[in-house]
């Protein structure tokens, strides 16, 4: 049985999260998403990705205008 069957590459994780693969790499580099650097790529465990996806909001932050109410 392959040990790597429980891991995803960056492109697979990006599709699951609905974000760009570069963003997945950045999240791994910044240690916001747990991943293992292997040569020139990242491997992300499926369980780690599942936990991360439960709390992750892919929308970028917006600047609030002065007249906008707090939500």
N, C-alpha and C. Protein backbone atom coordinates (compact mmCIF):
# COMPACT_ATOMS: atom_id res chain seq x y z
N UNK A 1 0.84 -1.17 0.00
CA UNK A 1 0.00 0.00 0.00
C UNK A 1 0.90 1.25 0.00
N UNK A 2 0.56 2.20 -0.84
CA UNK A 2 1.36 3.40 -0.99
C UNK A 2 1.13 4.37 0.17
N UNK A 3 2.21 4.91 0.68
CA UNK A 3 2.13 5.89 1.75
C UNK A 3 1.58 7.22 1.22
N UNK A 4 1.84 7.51 -0.04
CA UNK A 4 1.47 8.80 -0.61
C UNK A 4 0.00 8.89 -1.03
N UNK A 5 -0.76 7.83 -0.86
CA UNK A 5 -2.17 7.87 -1.26
C UNK A 5 -2.97 8.83 -0.39
N UNK A 6 -2.47 9.18 0.78
CA UNK A 6 -3.15 10.09 1.69
C UNK A 6 -2.73 11.55 1.49
N UNK A 7 -1.90 11.80 0.48
CA UNK A 7 -1.39 13.15 0.25
C UNK A 7 -1.86 13.69 -1.09
N UNK A 8 -1.98 15.00 -1.16
CA UNK A 8 -2.37 15.69 -2.38
C UNK A 8 -1.25 16.62 -2.81
N UNK A 9 -1.16 16.86 -4.11
CA UNK A 9 -0.21 17.85 -4.60
C UNK A 9 -0.92 19.20 -4.64
N UNK A 10 -0.17 20.24 -4.89
CA UNK A 10 -0.68 21.61 -4.86
C UNK A 10 -1.88 21.79 -5.78
N UNK A 11 -1.81 21.30 -7.00
CA UNK A 11 -2.91 21.49 -7.95
C UNK A 11 -4.20 20.82 -7.46
N UNK A 12 -4.10 19.65 -6.88
CA UNK A 12 -5.28 18.96 -6.36
C UNK A 12 -5.88 19.73 -5.19
N UNK A 13 -5.03 20.22 -4.29
CA UNK A 13 -5.51 21.00 -3.15
C UNK A 13 -6.17 22.29 -3.61
N UNK A 14 -5.61 22.92 -4.64
CA UNK A 14 -6.16 24.16 -5.17
C UNK A 14 -7.57 23.95 -5.72
N UNK A 15 -7.78 22.85 -6.42
CA UNK A 15 -9.11 22.55 -6.97
C UNK A 15 -10.11 22.35 -5.83
N UNK A 16 -9.72 21.64 -4.80
CA UNK A 16 -10.61 21.37 -3.67
C UNK A 16 -10.98 22.67 -2.96
N UNK A 17 -9.99 23.55 -2.77
CA UNK A 17 -10.24 24.81 -2.06
C UNK A 17 -10.85 25.88 -2.96
N UNK A 18 -10.75 25.70 -4.27
CA UNK A 18 -11.27 26.69 -5.20
C UNK A 18 -10.42 27.93 -5.30
N UNK A 19 -9.10 27.75 -5.17
CA UNK A 19 -8.17 28.88 -5.23
C UNK A 19 -7.04 28.56 -6.21
N UNK A 20 -6.19 29.53 -6.48
CA UNK A 20 -5.07 29.37 -7.39
C UNK A 20 -3.98 28.52 -6.73
N UNK A 21 -3.29 27.68 -7.52
CA UNK A 21 -2.21 26.86 -6.95
C UNK A 21 -1.11 27.70 -6.27
N UNK A 22 -0.86 28.89 -6.79
CA UNK A 22 0.13 29.77 -6.15
C UNK A 22 -0.28 30.17 -4.75
N UNK A 23 -1.57 30.31 -4.54
CA UNK A 23 -2.08 30.65 -3.21
C UNK A 23 -1.86 29.48 -2.25
N UNK A 24 -2.05 28.27 -2.73
CA UNK A 24 -1.80 27.08 -1.89
C UNK A 24 -0.32 27.04 -1.49
N UNK A 25 0.56 27.29 -2.43
CA UNK A 25 2.00 27.31 -2.13
C UNK A 25 2.32 28.36 -1.08
N UNK A 26 1.72 29.56 -1.24
CA UNK A 26 1.97 30.65 -0.29
C UNK A 26 1.46 30.27 1.10
N UNK A 27 0.29 29.66 1.18
CA UNK A 27 -0.25 29.24 2.46
C UNK A 27 0.65 28.21 3.13
N UNK A 28 1.23 27.33 2.35
CA UNK A 28 2.18 26.34 2.90
C UNK A 28 3.46 27.01 3.37
N UNK A 29 3.98 27.93 2.55
CA UNK A 29 5.21 28.64 2.95
C UNK A 29 5.00 29.43 4.24
N UNK A 30 3.84 30.05 4.37
CA UNK A 30 3.53 30.86 5.55
C UNK A 30 3.07 30.01 6.73
N UNK A 31 3.02 28.71 6.55
CA UNK A 31 2.63 27.74 7.57
C UNK A 31 1.19 27.92 8.06
N UNK A 32 0.35 28.47 7.20
CA UNK A 32 -1.06 28.56 7.50
C UNK A 32 -1.76 27.26 7.12
N UNK A 33 -1.20 26.58 6.13
CA UNK A 33 -1.67 25.26 5.70
C UNK A 33 -0.51 24.30 5.89
N UNK A 34 -0.74 23.22 6.61
CA UNK A 34 0.32 22.26 6.88
C UNK A 34 0.66 21.48 5.62
N UNK A 35 1.91 21.55 5.21
CA UNK A 35 2.37 20.83 4.03
C UNK A 35 3.83 20.43 4.21
N UNK A 36 4.27 19.50 3.39
CA UNK A 36 5.64 19.02 3.45
C UNK A 36 6.32 19.36 2.13
N UNK A 37 7.42 20.08 2.20
CA UNK A 37 8.17 20.46 1.02
C UNK A 37 8.99 19.25 0.57
N UNK A 38 8.77 18.82 -0.66
CA UNK A 38 9.51 17.69 -1.24
C UNK A 38 10.08 18.16 -2.56
N UNK A 39 11.39 18.26 -2.60
CA UNK A 39 12.10 18.78 -3.77
C UNK A 39 11.53 20.14 -4.16
N UNK A 40 10.85 20.23 -5.29
CA UNK A 40 10.36 21.52 -5.75
C UNK A 40 8.83 21.63 -5.62
N UNK A 41 8.22 20.85 -4.77
CA UNK A 41 6.77 20.88 -4.62
C UNK A 41 6.34 20.67 -3.19
N UNK A 42 5.05 20.71 -3.00
CA UNK A 42 4.47 20.52 -1.67
C UNK A 42 3.53 19.31 -1.69
N UNK A 43 3.53 18.58 -0.59
CA UNK A 43 2.56 17.50 -0.37
C UNK A 43 1.73 17.87 0.84
N UNK A 44 0.41 17.77 0.69
CA UNK A 44 -0.51 18.17 1.75
C UNK A 44 -1.35 16.95 2.12
N UNK A 45 -1.35 16.62 3.39
CA UNK A 45 -2.12 15.47 3.85
C UNK A 45 -3.61 15.79 3.73
N UNK A 46 -4.40 14.81 3.33
CA UNK A 46 -5.84 15.01 3.12
C UNK A 46 -6.54 15.49 4.39
N UNK A 47 -6.17 14.94 5.54
CA UNK A 47 -6.79 15.34 6.80
C UNK A 47 -6.47 16.79 7.15
N UNK A 48 -5.22 17.20 6.90
CA UNK A 48 -4.83 18.59 7.15
C UNK A 48 -5.60 19.53 6.24
N UNK A 49 -5.77 19.15 4.99
CA UNK A 49 -6.51 19.99 4.05
C UNK A 49 -7.98 20.07 4.45
N UNK A 50 -8.53 18.98 4.91
CA UNK A 50 -9.94 18.97 5.33
C UNK A 50 -10.15 19.92 6.52
N UNK A 51 -9.25 19.89 7.50
CA UNK A 51 -9.36 20.78 8.65
C UNK A 51 -9.20 22.25 8.23
N UNK A 52 -8.23 22.49 7.34
CA UNK A 52 -7.99 23.85 6.87
C UNK A 52 -9.20 24.37 6.09
N UNK A 53 -9.76 23.55 5.23
CA UNK A 53 -10.88 23.96 4.38
C UNK A 53 -12.12 24.30 5.21
N UNK A 54 -12.28 23.66 6.35
CA UNK A 54 -13.45 23.92 7.19
C UNK A 54 -13.45 25.35 7.73
N UNK A 55 -12.27 25.93 7.90
CA UNK A 55 -12.18 27.27 8.49
C UNK A 55 -11.75 28.34 7.49
N UNK A 56 -11.39 27.95 6.28
CA UNK A 56 -10.82 28.90 5.32
C UNK A 56 -11.90 29.60 4.51
N UNK A 57 -11.76 30.91 4.36
CA UNK A 57 -12.64 31.71 3.52
C UNK A 57 -11.79 32.28 2.40
N UNK A 58 -11.98 31.82 1.16
CA UNK A 58 -11.08 32.23 0.07
C UNK A 58 -11.28 33.66 -0.42
N UNK A 59 -12.31 34.35 0.08
CA UNK A 59 -12.52 35.72 -0.38
C UNK A 59 -11.43 36.64 0.15
N UNK A 60 -11.00 37.52 -0.71
CA UNK A 60 -10.01 38.51 -0.31
C UNK A 60 -10.68 39.58 0.52
N UNK A 61 -9.91 40.20 1.39
CA UNK A 61 -10.44 41.28 2.21
C UNK A 61 -10.75 42.51 1.38
N UNK A 62 -11.78 43.20 1.75
CA UNK A 62 -12.14 44.43 1.07
C UNK A 62 -11.93 45.60 2.01
N UNK A 63 -11.54 46.70 1.43
CA UNK A 63 -11.41 47.90 2.23
C UNK A 63 -12.80 48.47 2.47
N UNK A 64 -13.06 48.87 3.69
CA UNK A 64 -14.34 49.48 4.00
C UNK A 64 -14.27 50.97 3.74
N UNK A 65 -15.35 51.47 3.18
CA UNK A 65 -15.44 52.91 3.00
C UNK A 65 -15.85 53.53 4.31
N UNK A 66 -15.63 54.81 4.44
CA UNK A 66 -15.91 55.51 5.67
C UNK A 66 -17.38 55.42 6.07
N UNK A 67 -18.30 55.43 5.11
CA UNK A 67 -19.73 55.43 5.40
C UNK A 67 -20.33 54.05 5.58
N UNK A 68 -19.55 52.98 5.34
CA UNK A 68 -20.08 51.63 5.47
C UNK A 68 -20.28 51.29 6.95
N UNK A 69 -21.35 50.55 7.21
CA UNK A 69 -21.62 50.11 8.57
C UNK A 69 -20.80 48.88 8.91
N UNK A 70 -20.56 48.68 10.17
CA UNK A 70 -19.90 47.45 10.61
C UNK A 70 -20.93 46.34 10.57
N UNK A 71 -20.49 45.19 10.13
CA UNK A 71 -21.40 44.04 10.05
C UNK A 71 -21.30 43.21 11.28
